[in-house]
Amino acid sequence: MDAVIFDCDGVLIDSETIAHEVELDALQRVGLFLDSSEHRGRLQGLTVRGWGEALNEFHMAQKGVPLPSGFMDQLSAEITRRILADIRPIAGASDAARAFRGAKAVASSSPKLELHGKVRALGLWDVFDGHVFSGDDVAHGKPAPDLFLLAAGRLGVVGSRCIVIEDSVNGVKAGVAAGMTVWGFTGGPHCRPDQARDLLEVGAARVFQRMGALEAVLLGRE
């Protein structure tokens, strides 16, 4: 493989746990109650736009009316504030990112400002040589392939020569749709017991629980 493309949330940084806590609290305040496991499975990996549309559909189904005006903007801003104030790296992820000496990028559904802040806080901006791409950079976010194709194009690598590191069903679907090999990470605190099964079912070529295992593969030790 010529390039490795990393997702960010749940792969490089434990931000999914924070986002999930803030989101469920906000939804309960407007009287919207979702099954936590189902919620995570369906919404992980979506852009803010796609995530907002899905939440609005849930609200319409339960309440018969759209979400309150400004709800998503306020929720997104609060999640960004909380995550950037409490950076929690996934154990071993930075070492794995540094281990690969070829072309590499980050391709995340996060808003651009938030994503850039997370990658810089992790000390990885220079490691990725500024190849950090957000859901804001494409018209169609994950599970569409656009974001991964953009990253590969900027790296100058064809999709079939890329490995994608993802933790969500929507992210794996996007990588597969882009014609890339996808490896699923299931070791984050946010991962459900059946995460590995779900990622394999939508096309992940392999799954791993420890970033040390990924680092060994990227260093050619396995």
N, C-alpha and C. Protein backbone atom coordinates (compact mmCIF):
# COMPACT_ATOMS: atom_id res chain seq x y z
N MET A 1 0.83 -1.20 0.00
CA MET A 1 0.00 0.00 0.00
C MET A 1 0.88 1.26 0.00
N ASP A 2 0.41 2.28 -0.67
CA ASP A 2 1.18 3.52 -0.81
C ASP A 2 0.78 4.59 0.19
N ALA A 3 -0.41 4.47 0.78
CA ALA A 3 -0.89 5.52 1.70
C ALA A 3 -1.79 4.92 2.76
N VAL A 4 -1.80 5.57 3.92
CA VAL A 4 -2.71 5.21 5.01
C VAL A 4 -3.53 6.46 5.35
N ILE A 5 -4.84 6.30 5.39
CA ILE A 5 -5.75 7.40 5.71
C ILE A 5 -6.46 7.07 7.01
N PHE A 6 -6.26 7.92 8.01
CA PHE A 6 -6.84 7.70 9.33
C PHE A 6 -8.11 8.53 9.51
N ASP A 7 -9.13 7.91 10.06
CA ASP A 7 -10.23 8.66 10.65
C ASP A 7 -9.66 9.33 11.91
N CYS A 8 -10.38 10.28 12.48
CA CYS A 8 -9.88 10.94 13.69
C CYS A 8 -10.67 10.52 14.93
N ASP A 9 -11.95 10.84 14.97
CA ASP A 9 -12.76 10.59 16.15
C ASP A 9 -12.93 9.09 16.39
N GLY A 10 -12.47 8.63 17.54
CA GLY A 10 -12.55 7.21 17.86
C GLY A 10 -11.39 6.40 17.35
N VAL A 11 -10.51 7.02 16.55
CA VAL A 11 -9.32 6.34 16.03
C VAL A 11 -8.05 6.99 16.57
N LEU A 12 -7.92 8.29 16.39
CA LEU A 12 -6.77 9.02 16.94
C LEU A 12 -7.08 9.61 18.30
N ILE A 13 -8.34 9.94 18.52
CA ILE A 13 -8.72 10.63 19.75
C ILE A 13 -10.03 10.06 20.29
N ASP A 14 -10.13 9.96 21.60
CA ASP A 14 -11.35 9.48 22.24
C ASP A 14 -12.31 10.65 22.40
N SER A 15 -12.87 11.10 21.29
CA SER A 15 -13.82 12.20 21.32
C SER A 15 -15.26 11.70 21.24
N GLU A 16 -15.45 10.48 20.74
CA GLU A 16 -16.80 9.95 20.59
C GLU A 16 -17.51 9.84 21.95
N THR A 17 -16.76 9.47 22.98
CA THR A 17 -17.36 9.33 24.30
C THR A 17 -17.90 10.67 24.79
N ILE A 18 -17.10 11.72 24.63
CA ILE A 18 -17.51 13.06 25.06
C ILE A 18 -18.71 13.52 24.24
N ALA A 19 -18.62 13.38 22.92
CA ALA A 19 -19.70 13.83 22.05
C ALA A 19 -21.01 13.12 22.38
N HIS A 20 -20.92 11.82 22.65
CA HIS A 20 -22.11 11.04 22.95
C HIS A 20 -22.77 11.51 24.25
N GLU A 21 -21.97 11.77 25.26
CA GLU A 21 -22.50 12.23 26.54
C GLU A 21 -23.19 13.58 26.39
N VAL A 22 -22.55 14.52 25.70
CA VAL A 22 -23.12 15.85 25.51
C VAL A 22 -24.39 15.76 24.69
N GLU A 23 -24.36 14.95 23.66
CA GLU A 23 -25.51 14.84 22.75
C GLU A 23 -26.73 14.24 23.46
N LEU A 24 -26.55 13.14 24.17
CA LEU A 24 -27.68 12.52 24.85
C LEU A 24 -28.29 13.46 25.89
N ASP A 25 -27.44 14.20 26.58
CA ASP A 25 -27.95 15.16 27.57
C ASP A 25 -28.79 16.24 26.88
N ALA A 26 -28.30 16.75 25.76
CA ALA A 26 -29.03 17.79 25.03
C ALA A 26 -30.35 17.26 24.48
N LEU A 27 -30.34 16.02 23.98
CA LEU A 27 -31.55 15.44 23.43
C LEU A 27 -32.60 15.20 24.51
N GLN A 28 -32.14 14.79 25.68
CA GLN A 28 -33.09 14.60 26.78
C GLN A 28 -33.75 15.90 27.19
N ARG A 29 -33.02 17.00 27.06
CA ARG A 29 -33.59 18.31 27.42
C ARG A 29 -34.72 18.72 26.49
N VAL A 30 -34.72 18.20 25.26
CA VAL A 30 -35.83 18.50 24.35
C VAL A 30 -36.81 17.33 24.28
N GLY A 31 -36.65 16.38 25.20
CA GLY A 31 -37.59 15.28 25.31
C GLY A 31 -37.43 14.20 24.27
N LEU A 32 -36.21 14.07 23.70
CA LEU A 32 -35.97 13.04 22.70
C LEU A 32 -35.13 11.94 23.33
N PHE A 33 -35.63 10.71 23.32
CA PHE A 33 -34.94 9.61 23.97
C PHE A 33 -34.60 8.54 22.94
N LEU A 34 -33.32 8.17 22.87
CA LEU A 34 -32.84 7.20 21.89
C LEU A 34 -32.13 6.06 22.60
N ASP A 35 -32.25 4.87 22.04
CA ASP A 35 -31.47 3.75 22.53
C ASP A 35 -29.99 4.03 22.27
N SER A 36 -29.19 4.00 23.34
CA SER A 36 -27.79 4.42 23.24
C SER A 36 -27.01 3.60 22.22
N SER A 37 -27.16 2.27 22.24
CA SER A 37 -26.40 1.42 21.34
C SER A 37 -26.81 1.64 19.89
N GLU A 38 -28.11 1.69 19.64
CA GLU A 38 -28.60 1.91 18.27
C GLU A 38 -28.16 3.28 17.77
N HIS A 39 -28.24 4.25 18.66
CA HIS A 39 -27.87 5.62 18.33
C HIS A 39 -26.42 5.69 17.87
N ARG A 40 -25.53 5.07 18.61
CA ARG A 40 -24.11 5.10 18.25
C ARG A 40 -23.87 4.42 16.91
N GLY A 41 -24.50 3.28 16.72
CA GLY A 41 -24.28 2.53 15.49
C GLY A 41 -24.72 3.28 14.25
N ARG A 42 -25.83 3.99 14.33
CA ARG A 42 -26.38 4.66 13.16
C ARG A 42 -25.73 6.00 12.86
N LEU A 43 -25.30 6.71 13.90
CA LEU A 43 -24.88 8.08 13.69
C LEU A 43 -23.37 8.29 13.71
N GLN A 44 -22.60 7.32 14.19
CA GLN A 44 -21.14 7.49 14.21
C GLN A 44 -20.60 7.68 12.79
N GLY A 45 -19.70 8.64 12.67
CA GLY A 45 -19.02 8.84 11.41
C GLY A 45 -19.68 9.82 10.47
N LEU A 46 -20.88 10.30 10.79
CA LEU A 46 -21.58 11.24 9.93
C LEU A 46 -21.03 12.66 10.08
N THR A 47 -21.18 13.47 9.03
CA THR A 47 -20.87 14.89 9.14
C THR A 47 -21.92 15.55 10.03
N VAL A 48 -21.65 16.79 10.44
CA VAL A 48 -22.62 17.53 11.24
C VAL A 48 -23.94 17.65 10.48
N ARG A 49 -23.84 17.88 9.18
CA ARG A 49 -25.05 18.01 8.36
C ARG A 49 -25.86 16.71 8.37
N GLY A 50 -25.20 15.59 8.11
CA GLY A 50 -25.89 14.31 8.07
C GLY A 50 -26.42 13.90 9.44
N TRP A 51 -25.62 14.19 10.45
CA TRP A 51 -26.00 13.89 11.83
C TRP A 51 -27.23 14.71 12.23
N GLY A 52 -27.24 15.99 11.87
CA GLY A 52 -28.38 16.85 12.18
C GLY A 52 -29.64 16.40 11.48
N GLU A 53 -29.51 15.97 10.23
CA GLU A 53 -30.67 15.49 9.48
C GLU A 53 -31.24 14.22 10.13
N ALA A 54 -30.35 13.33 10.58
CA ALA A 54 -30.81 12.10 11.22
C ALA A 54 -31.50 12.39 12.55
N LEU A 55 -30.93 13.29 13.34
CA LEU A 55 -31.56 13.64 14.62
C LEU A 55 -32.91 14.30 14.40
N ASN A 56 -33.00 15.13 13.36
CA ASN A 56 -34.27 15.79 13.08
C ASN A 56 -35.34 14.76 12.69
N GLU A 57 -34.91 13.72 11.95
CA GLU A 57 -35.85 12.66 11.60
C GLU A 57 -36.34 11.93 12.84
N PHE A 58 -35.42 11.65 13.78
CA PHE A 58 -35.82 11.02 15.04
C PHE A 58 -36.84 11.90 15.78
N HIS A 59 -36.57 13.21 15.82
CA HIS A 59 -37.44 14.14 16.54
C HIS A 59 -38.81 14.21 15.87
N MET A 60 -38.82 14.26 14.54
CA MET A 60 -40.09 14.29 13.82
C MET A 60 -40.90 13.03 14.10
N ALA A 61 -40.21 11.88 14.14
CA ALA A 61 -40.90 10.61 14.37
C ALA A 61 -41.50 10.54 15.77
N GLN A 62 -40.78 11.09 16.77
CA GLN A 62 -41.25 11.01 18.15
C GLN A 62 -42.17 12.15 18.54
N LYS A 63 -41.90 13.34 17.97
CA LYS A 63 -42.61 14.54 18.43
C LYS A 63 -43.55 15.13 17.38
N GLY A 64 -43.32 14.78 16.13
CA GLY A 64 -44.16 15.32 15.07
C GLY A 64 -43.79 16.71 14.62
N VAL A 65 -42.70 17.24 15.15
CA VAL A 65 -42.23 18.59 14.78
C VAL A 65 -40.72 18.56 14.65
N PRO A 66 -40.12 19.52 13.91
CA PRO A 66 -38.66 19.56 13.77
C PRO A 66 -37.98 19.90 15.10
N LEU A 67 -36.68 19.68 15.16
CA LEU A 67 -35.90 20.11 16.31
C LEU A 67 -36.01 21.63 16.47
N PRO A 68 -35.87 22.14 17.68
CA PRO A 68 -35.93 23.58 17.89
C PRO A 68 -34.91 24.32 17.04
N SER A 69 -35.24 25.51 16.61
CA SER A 69 -34.34 26.32 15.80
C SER A 69 -33.02 26.56 16.54
N GLY A 70 -31.92 26.34 15.85
CA GLY A 70 -30.60 26.59 16.44
C GLY A 70 -30.07 25.45 17.29
N PHE A 71 -30.86 24.38 17.46
CA PHE A 71 -30.45 23.28 18.34
C PHE A 71 -29.13 22.66 17.88
N MET A 72 -29.02 22.34 16.61
CA MET A 72 -27.82 21.66 16.12
C MET A 72 -26.59 22.56 16.20
N ASP A 73 -26.74 23.83 15.90
CA ASP A 73 -25.60 24.75 15.99
C ASP A 73 -25.08 24.82 17.42
N GLN A 74 -26.00 24.92 18.37
CA GLN A 74 -25.61 24.99 19.78
C GLN A 74 -24.98 23.68 20.24
N LEU A 75 -25.57 22.56 19.84
CA LEU A 75 -25.04 21.27 20.23
C LEU A 75 -23.65 21.04 19.66
N SER A 76 -23.47 21.35 18.38
CA SER A 76 -22.17 21.17 17.74
C SER A 76 -21.11 22.04 18.40
N ALA A 77 -21.46 23.28 18.72
CA ALA A 77 -20.51 24.19 19.36
C ALA A 77 -20.11 23.69 20.74
N GLU A 78 -21.07 23.15 21.50
CA GLU A 78 -20.77 22.65 22.84
C GLU A 78 -19.89 21.40 22.78
N ILE A 79 -20.15 20.52 21.82
CA ILE A 79 -19.31 19.33 21.66
C ILE A 79 -17.88 19.74 21.31
N THR A 80 -17.73 20.67 20.38
CA THR A 80 -16.40 21.15 20.01
C THR A 80 -15.67 21.73 21.22
N ARG A 81 -16.37 22.55 21.98
CA ARG A 81 -15.76 23.18 23.16
C ARG A 81 -15.29 22.13 24.15
N ARG A 82 -16.14 21.13 24.43
CA ARG A 82 -15.80 20.11 25.42
C ARG A 82 -14.64 19.24 24.95
N ILE A 83 -14.64 18.87 23.67
CA ILE A 83 -13.58 18.00 23.16
C ILE A 83 -12.23 18.71 23.18
N LEU A 84 -12.19 19.95 22.71
CA LEU A 84 -10.92 20.68 22.64
C LEU A 84 -10.40 21.04 24.03
N ALA A 85 -11.30 21.08 25.02
CA ALA A 85 -10.87 21.35 26.39
C ALA A 85 -10.40 20.10 27.11
N ASP A 86 -10.65 18.94 26.52
CA ASP A 86 -10.33 17.68 27.19
C ASP A 86 -9.84 16.66 26.15
N ILE A 87 -8.66 16.93 25.59
CA ILE A 87 -8.10 16.05 24.57
C ILE A 87 -7.72 14.71 25.18
N ARG A 88 -8.28 13.63 24.64
CA ARG A 88 -8.02 12.29 25.15
C ARG A 88 -7.49 11.42 24.01
N PRO A 89 -6.19 11.30 23.84
CA PRO A 89 -5.65 10.47 22.74
C PRO A 89 -6.01 9.00 22.92
N ILE A 90 -6.28 8.33 21.83
CA ILE A 90 -6.42 6.87 21.87
C ILE A 90 -5.02 6.29 22.09
N ALA A 91 -4.89 5.41 23.07
CA ALA A 91 -3.59 4.85 23.43
C ALA A 91 -2.90 4.23 22.23
N GLY A 92 -1.69 4.69 21.95
CA GLY A 92 -0.88 4.11 20.88
C GLY A 92 -1.18 4.65 19.49
N ALA A 93 -2.22 5.48 19.34
CA ALA A 93 -2.61 5.94 18.00
C ALA A 93 -1.56 6.86 17.38
N SER A 94 -1.01 7.77 18.18
CA SER A 94 -0.01 8.69 17.64
C SER A 94 1.23 7.93 17.18
N ASP A 95 1.63 6.91 17.95
CA ASP A 95 2.79 6.10 17.55
C ASP A 95 2.51 5.35 16.25
N ALA A 96 1.28 4.86 16.10
CA ALA A 96 0.92 4.15 14.87
C ALA A 96 0.95 5.09 13.68
N ALA A 97 0.45 6.30 13.88
CA ALA A 97 0.46 7.29 12.79
C ALA A 97 1.89 7.63 12.38
N ARG A 98 2.76 7.78 13.35
CA ARG A 98 4.15 8.11 13.06
C ARG A 98 4.91 6.93 12.44
N ALA A 99 4.44 5.73 12.69
CA ALA A 99 5.17 4.53 12.25
C ALA A 99 5.21 4.40 10.74
N PHE A 100 4.13 4.80 10.08
CA PHE A 100 4.08 4.63 8.62
C PHE A 100 4.88 5.74 7.96
N ARG A 101 5.83 5.37 7.12
CA ARG A 101 6.72 6.35 6.49
C ARG A 101 6.24 6.82 5.12
N GLY A 102 5.17 6.21 4.61
CA GLY A 102 4.65 6.63 3.32
C GLY A 102 3.67 7.78 3.46
N ALA A 103 2.92 8.04 2.38
CA ALA A 103 1.93 9.11 2.38
C ALA A 103 0.83 8.79 3.38
N LYS A 104 0.35 9.81 4.07
CA LYS A 104 -0.73 9.57 5.03
C LYS A 104 -1.55 10.84 5.21
N ALA A 105 -2.79 10.64 5.65
CA ALA A 105 -3.72 11.76 5.80
C ALA A 105 -4.72 11.43 6.89
N VAL A 106 -5.43 12.46 7.32
CA VAL A 106 -6.59 12.31 8.19
C VAL A 106 -7.82 12.69 7.37
N ALA A 107 -8.86 11.88 7.43
CA ALA A 107 -10.12 12.18 6.75
C ALA A 107 -11.25 11.93 7.73
N SER A 108 -11.80 13.02 8.26
CA SER A 108 -12.77 12.93 9.35
C SER A 108 -14.02 13.74 9.04
N SER A 109 -15.15 13.29 9.55
CA SER A 109 -16.40 14.00 9.36
C SER A 109 -16.50 15.25 10.23
N SER A 110 -15.59 15.44 11.15
CA SER A 110 -15.64 16.59 12.05
C SER A 110 -15.62 17.92 11.30
N PRO A 111 -16.21 18.98 11.88
CA PRO A 111 -16.06 20.31 11.30
C PRO A 111 -14.58 20.68 11.22
N LYS A 112 -14.22 21.48 10.21
CA LYS A 112 -12.81 21.76 9.94
C LYS A 112 -12.10 22.39 11.14
N LEU A 113 -12.68 23.41 11.74
CA LEU A 113 -12.02 24.09 12.85
C LEU A 113 -11.76 23.13 14.00
N GLU A 114 -12.75 22.31 14.32
CA GLU A 114 -12.59 21.34 15.40
C GLU A 114 -11.54 20.31 15.05
N LEU A 115 -11.58 19.79 13.82
CA LEU A 115 -10.64 18.76 13.40
C LEU A 115 -9.21 19.26 13.45
N HIS A 116 -8.97 20.44 12.91
CA HIS A 116 -7.62 21.00 12.93
C HIS A 116 -7.13 21.18 14.36
N GLY A 117 -8.02 21.61 15.25
CA GLY A 117 -7.65 21.78 16.66
C GLY A 117 -7.26 20.46 17.30
N LYS A 118 -7.99 19.40 16.98
CA LYS A 118 -7.69 18.09 17.56
C LYS A 118 -6.35 17.55 17.06
N VAL A 119 -6.13 17.64 15.76
CA VAL A 119 -4.87 17.10 15.20
C VAL A 119 -3.67 17.88 15.72
N ARG A 120 -3.81 19.20 15.83
CA ARG A 120 -2.70 20.01 16.37
C ARG A 120 -2.48 19.68 17.85
N ALA A 121 -3.55 19.52 18.62
CA ALA A 121 -3.41 19.21 20.04
C ALA A 121 -2.74 17.86 20.26
N LEU A 122 -2.94 16.94 19.33
CA LEU A 122 -2.30 15.63 19.42
C LEU A 122 -0.83 15.68 19.00
N GLY A 123 -0.40 16.82 18.45
CA GLY A 123 0.97 16.95 17.98
C GLY A 123 1.22 16.23 16.67
N LEU A 124 0.15 16.07 15.86
CA LEU A 124 0.26 15.27 14.64
C LEU A 124 0.14 16.08 13.35
N TRP A 125 0.00 17.39 13.46
CA TRP A 125 -0.19 18.18 12.24
C TRP A 125 0.98 18.00 11.28
N ASP A 126 2.18 18.11 11.80
CA ASP A 126 3.36 17.96 10.94
C ASP A 126 3.56 16.51 10.50
N VAL A 127 3.14 15.57 11.34
CA VAL A 127 3.23 14.16 10.98
C VAL A 127 2.43 13.88 9.71
N PHE A 128 1.27 14.52 9.59
CA PHE A 128 0.43 14.35 8.40
C PHE A 128 0.72 15.41 7.34
N ASP A 129 1.71 16.25 7.59
CA ASP A 129 2.13 17.27 6.62
C ASP A 129 0.96 18.12 6.14
N GLY A 130 0.04 18.40 7.08
CA GLY A 130 -1.11 19.24 6.74
C GLY A 130 -2.18 18.56 5.92
N HIS A 131 -2.05 17.26 5.66
CA HIS A 131 -3.06 16.53 4.89
C HIS A 131 -4.17 16.09 5.84
N VAL A 132 -4.99 17.06 6.23
CA VAL A 132 -6.06 16.84 7.19
C VAL A 132 -7.35 17.34 6.55
N PHE A 133 -8.28 16.43 6.27
CA PHE A 133 -9.46 16.76 5.48
C PHE A 133 -10.73 16.51 6.28
N SER A 134 -11.64 17.47 6.19
CA SER A 134 -12.84 17.50 7.01
C SER A 134 -14.10 17.26 6.18
N GLY A 135 -15.17 16.91 6.87
CA GLY A 135 -16.46 16.80 6.21
C GLY A 135 -16.88 18.10 5.56
N ASP A 136 -16.34 19.22 6.02
CA ASP A 136 -16.65 20.52 5.41
C ASP A 136 -16.05 20.65 4.02
N ASP A 137 -15.11 19.78 3.68
CA ASP A 137 -14.39 19.89 2.40
C ASP A 137 -15.09 19.20 1.24
N VAL A 138 -16.18 18.47 1.52
CA VAL A 138 -16.86 17.72 0.45
C VAL A 138 -18.36 17.97 0.51
N ALA A 139 -19.01 17.73 -0.60
CA ALA A 139 -20.47 17.91 -0.67
C ALA A 139 -21.21 16.78 0.03
N HIS A 140 -20.64 15.58 -0.05
CA HIS A 140 -21.30 14.41 0.52
C HIS A 140 -20.36 13.72 1.49
N GLY A 141 -20.77 13.67 2.76
CA GLY A 141 -19.93 13.06 3.79
C GLY A 141 -20.11 11.55 3.84
N LYS A 142 -19.37 10.92 4.74
CA LYS A 142 -19.49 9.48 4.95
C LYS A 142 -20.96 9.14 5.25
N PRO A 143 -21.49 8.06 4.71
CA PRO A 143 -20.85 6.91 4.08
C PRO A 143 -20.52 7.06 2.59
N ALA A 144 -20.72 8.25 2.02
CA ALA A 144 -20.27 8.47 0.64
C ALA A 144 -18.74 8.44 0.60
N PRO A 145 -18.13 8.12 -0.53
CA PRO A 145 -16.67 7.97 -0.61
C PRO A 145 -15.91 9.28 -0.79
N ASP A 146 -16.62 10.40 -0.94
CA ASP A 146 -16.01 11.66 -1.37
C ASP A 146 -14.79 12.08 -0.53
N LEU A 147 -14.91 11.96 0.79
CA LEU A 147 -13.84 12.45 1.67
C LEU A 147 -12.57 11.64 1.50
N PHE A 148 -12.70 10.33 1.39
CA PHE A 148 -11.52 9.50 1.20
C PHE A 148 -10.91 9.69 -0.19
N LEU A 149 -11.76 9.88 -1.18
CA LEU A 149 -11.25 10.13 -2.53
C LEU A 149 -10.51 11.47 -2.59
N LEU A 150 -11.02 12.47 -1.87
CA LEU A 150 -10.33 13.75 -1.80
C LEU A 150 -8.95 13.58 -1.18
N ALA A 151 -8.88 12.85 -0.07
CA ALA A 151 -7.59 12.64 0.61
C ALA A 151 -6.61 11.93 -0.30
N ALA A 152 -7.07 10.87 -0.97
CA ALA A 152 -6.18 10.12 -1.86
C ALA A 152 -5.70 11.00 -3.02
N GLY A 153 -6.61 11.81 -3.56
CA GLY A 153 -6.25 12.69 -4.66
C GLY A 153 -5.20 13.70 -4.25
N ARG A 154 -5.35 14.28 -3.07
CA ARG A 154 -4.37 15.25 -2.57
C ARG A 154 -3.03 14.60 -2.28
N LEU A 155 -3.06 13.34 -1.89
CA LEU A 155 -1.81 12.61 -1.65
C LEU A 155 -1.19 12.11 -2.94
N GLY A 156 -1.96 12.14 -4.02
CA GLY A 156 -1.44 11.65 -5.30
C GLY A 156 -1.38 10.14 -5.38
N VAL A 157 -2.31 9.46 -4.70
CA VAL A 157 -2.32 8.00 -4.64
C VAL A 157 -3.69 7.50 -5.10
N VAL A 158 -3.72 6.44 -5.88
CA VAL A 158 -5.00 5.89 -6.31
C VAL A 158 -5.66 5.17 -5.13
N GLY A 159 -6.99 5.15 -5.14
CA GLY A 159 -7.73 4.59 -4.02
C GLY A 159 -7.38 3.15 -3.71
N SER A 160 -7.14 2.35 -4.74
CA SER A 160 -6.86 0.93 -4.52
C SER A 160 -5.53 0.69 -3.82
N ARG A 161 -4.71 1.73 -3.71
CA ARG A 161 -3.41 1.62 -3.04
C ARG A 161 -3.44 2.24 -1.64
N CYS A 162 -4.65 2.50 -1.13
CA CYS A 162 -4.79 3.12 0.19
C CYS A 162 -5.39 2.16 1.21
N ILE A 163 -4.91 2.27 2.44
CA ILE A 163 -5.53 1.60 3.58
C ILE A 163 -6.23 2.68 4.41
N VAL A 164 -7.45 2.42 4.80
CA VAL A 164 -8.23 3.32 5.65
C VAL A 164 -8.35 2.70 7.04
N ILE A 165 -8.14 3.52 8.07
CA ILE A 165 -8.32 3.07 9.46
C ILE A 165 -9.58 3.72 10.00
N GLU A 166 -10.59 2.92 10.29
CA GLU A 166 -11.90 3.42 10.68
C GLU A 166 -12.46 2.67 11.88
N ASP A 167 -13.37 3.32 12.59
CA ASP A 167 -14.01 2.68 13.74
C ASP A 167 -15.52 2.59 13.60
N SER A 168 -16.10 3.25 12.59
CA SER A 168 -17.55 3.31 12.47
C SER A 168 -18.04 2.60 11.22
N VAL A 169 -19.28 2.15 11.27
CA VAL A 169 -19.91 1.51 10.12
C VAL A 169 -19.96 2.47 8.94
N ASN A 170 -20.35 3.72 9.19
CA ASN A 170 -20.43 4.70 8.11
C ASN A 170 -19.05 4.96 7.50
N GLY A 171 -18.02 4.98 8.33
CA GLY A 171 -16.67 5.19 7.83
C GLY A 171 -16.18 4.02 7.00
N VAL A 172 -16.46 2.80 7.45
CA VAL A 172 -16.05 1.62 6.67
C VAL A 172 -16.77 1.61 5.32
N LYS A 173 -18.05 1.91 5.33
CA LYS A 173 -18.81 1.96 4.08
C LYS A 173 -18.19 2.97 3.12
N ALA A 174 -17.76 4.11 3.64
CA ALA A 174 -17.16 5.15 2.80
C ALA A 174 -15.86 4.68 2.19
N GLY A 175 -15.03 4.03 3.00
CA GLY A 175 -13.75 3.54 2.50
C GLY A 175 -13.92 2.46 1.44
N VAL A 176 -14.85 1.55 1.67
CA VAL A 176 -15.12 0.49 0.70
C VAL A 176 -15.65 1.09 -0.60
N ALA A 177 -16.55 2.08 -0.48
CA ALA A 177 -17.11 2.73 -1.67
C ALA A 177 -16.03 3.45 -2.47
N ALA A 178 -14.97 3.88 -1.78
CA ALA A 178 -13.86 4.56 -2.44
C ALA A 178 -12.88 3.58 -3.08
N GLY A 179 -13.15 2.28 -2.95
CA GLY A 179 -12.28 1.26 -3.53
C GLY A 179 -11.02 1.02 -2.73
N MET A 180 -11.05 1.34 -1.44
CA MET A 180 -9.88 1.22 -0.58
C MET A 180 -10.00 0.00 0.33
N THR A 181 -8.87 -0.44 0.86
CA THR A 181 -8.86 -1.50 1.87
C THR A 181 -9.09 -0.85 3.23
N VAL A 182 -10.05 -1.36 3.98
CA VAL A 182 -10.41 -0.76 5.26
C VAL A 182 -10.09 -1.72 6.41
N TRP A 183 -9.38 -1.20 7.39
CA TRP A 183 -9.13 -1.93 8.62
C TRP A 183 -9.93 -1.26 9.74
N GLY A 184 -10.65 -2.05 10.50
CA GLY A 184 -11.51 -1.52 11.55
C GLY A 184 -10.85 -1.56 12.91
N PHE A 185 -10.94 -0.44 13.62
CA PHE A 185 -10.43 -0.35 15.00
C PHE A 185 -11.59 -0.49 15.96
N THR A 186 -11.46 -1.42 16.92
CA THR A 186 -12.57 -1.69 17.84
C THR A 186 -12.16 -1.54 19.30
N GLY A 187 -11.05 -0.84 19.55
CA GLY A 187 -10.54 -0.75 20.92
C GLY A 187 -10.86 0.54 21.65
N GLY A 188 -11.63 1.43 21.04
CA GLY A 188 -11.97 2.69 21.70
C GLY A 188 -12.99 2.50 22.80
N PRO A 189 -12.99 3.39 23.81
CA PRO A 189 -13.97 3.27 24.90
C PRO A 189 -15.41 3.33 24.43
N HIS A 190 -15.64 3.94 23.26
CA HIS A 190 -16.99 4.10 22.74
C HIS A 190 -17.49 2.86 22.00
N CYS A 191 -16.60 1.91 21.71
CA CYS A 191 -16.97 0.78 20.87
C CYS A 191 -17.91 -0.18 21.59
N ARG A 192 -18.91 -0.65 20.85
CA ARG A 192 -19.88 -1.59 21.39
C ARG A 192 -19.34 -3.02 21.30
N PRO A 193 -19.89 -3.95 22.07
CA PRO A 193 -19.39 -5.33 22.05
C PRO A 193 -19.43 -5.98 20.66
N ASP A 194 -20.41 -5.58 19.85
CA ASP A 194 -20.54 -6.18 18.52
C ASP A 194 -19.94 -5.31 17.42
N GLN A 195 -19.07 -4.37 17.79
CA GLN A 195 -18.47 -3.46 16.82
C GLN A 195 -17.69 -4.20 15.73
N ALA A 196 -16.90 -5.18 16.13
CA ALA A 196 -16.09 -5.92 15.16
C ALA A 196 -16.97 -6.62 14.14
N ARG A 197 -18.02 -7.27 14.60
CA ARG A 197 -18.94 -7.94 13.68
C ARG A 197 -19.55 -6.95 12.69
N ASP A 198 -19.99 -5.80 13.21
CA ASP A 198 -20.63 -4.81 12.36
C ASP A 198 -19.68 -4.26 11.31
N LEU A 199 -18.42 -4.02 11.68
CA LEU A 199 -17.46 -3.48 10.73
C LEU A 199 -17.11 -4.50 9.66
N LEU A 200 -16.96 -5.76 10.06
CA LEU A 200 -16.66 -6.82 9.09
C LEU A 200 -17.83 -7.01 8.12
N GLU A 201 -19.05 -6.90 8.64
CA GLU A 201 -20.23 -7.11 7.79
C GLU A 201 -20.35 -6.07 6.68
N VAL A 202 -19.84 -4.85 6.92
CA VAL A 202 -19.95 -3.82 5.88
C VAL A 202 -18.68 -3.68 5.06
N GLY A 203 -17.72 -4.61 5.25
CA GLY A 203 -16.60 -4.66 4.32
C GLY A 203 -15.21 -4.45 4.86
N ALA A 204 -15.05 -4.29 6.18
CA ALA A 204 -13.69 -4.18 6.72
C ALA A 204 -12.92 -5.46 6.42
N ALA A 205 -11.67 -5.31 5.96
CA ALA A 205 -10.86 -6.47 5.61
C ALA A 205 -10.32 -7.18 6.84
N ARG A 206 -10.14 -6.42 7.92
CA ARG A 206 -9.67 -6.98 9.18
C ARG A 206 -10.02 -6.00 10.28
N VAL A 207 -10.01 -6.47 11.52
CA VAL A 207 -10.26 -5.59 12.66
C VAL A 207 -9.17 -5.82 13.69
N PHE A 208 -8.91 -4.81 14.51
CA PHE A 208 -7.92 -4.92 15.57
C PHE A 208 -8.36 -4.07 16.75
N GLN A 209 -7.93 -4.48 17.94
CA GLN A 209 -8.33 -3.79 19.17
C GLN A 209 -7.24 -2.92 19.76
N ARG A 210 -6.00 -3.18 19.40
CA ARG A 210 -4.89 -2.43 19.97
C ARG A 210 -4.14 -1.67 18.88
N MET A 211 -3.84 -0.41 19.16
CA MET A 211 -3.08 0.37 18.19
C MET A 211 -1.66 -0.17 18.04
N GLY A 212 -1.17 -0.88 19.07
CA GLY A 212 0.15 -1.48 18.97
C GLY A 212 0.19 -2.51 17.85
N ALA A 213 -0.93 -3.21 17.62
CA ALA A 213 -0.99 -4.19 16.54
C ALA A 213 -0.92 -3.49 15.19
N LEU A 214 -1.60 -2.35 15.07
CA LEU A 214 -1.53 -1.58 13.82
C LEU A 214 -0.12 -1.06 13.59
N GLU A 215 0.50 -0.54 14.65
CA GLU A 215 1.86 -0.03 14.51
C GLU A 215 2.80 -1.12 14.01
N ALA A 216 2.67 -2.35 14.54
CA ALA A 216 3.53 -3.45 14.12
C ALA A 216 3.36 -3.75 12.64
N VAL A 217 2.12 -3.71 12.15
CA VAL A 217 1.87 -3.96 10.72
C VAL A 217 2.48 -2.84 9.88
N LEU A 218 2.29 -1.59 10.30
CA LEU A 218 2.79 -0.47 9.52
C LEU A 218 4.32 -0.41 9.52
N LEU A 219 4.93 -0.98 10.54
CA LEU A 219 6.39 -1.04 10.59
C LEU A 219 6.92 -2.28 9.89
N GLY A 220 6.02 -3.13 9.41
CA GLY A 220 6.44 -4.34 8.71
C GLY A 220 6.86 -5.46 9.63
N ARG A 221 6.45 -5.40 10.89
CA ARG A 221 6.83 -6.44 11.84
C ARG A 221 5.84 -7.60 11.87
N GLU A 222 4.73 -7.45 11.15
CA GLU A 222 3.71 -8.51 11.16
C GLU A 222 3.22 -8.75 9.75
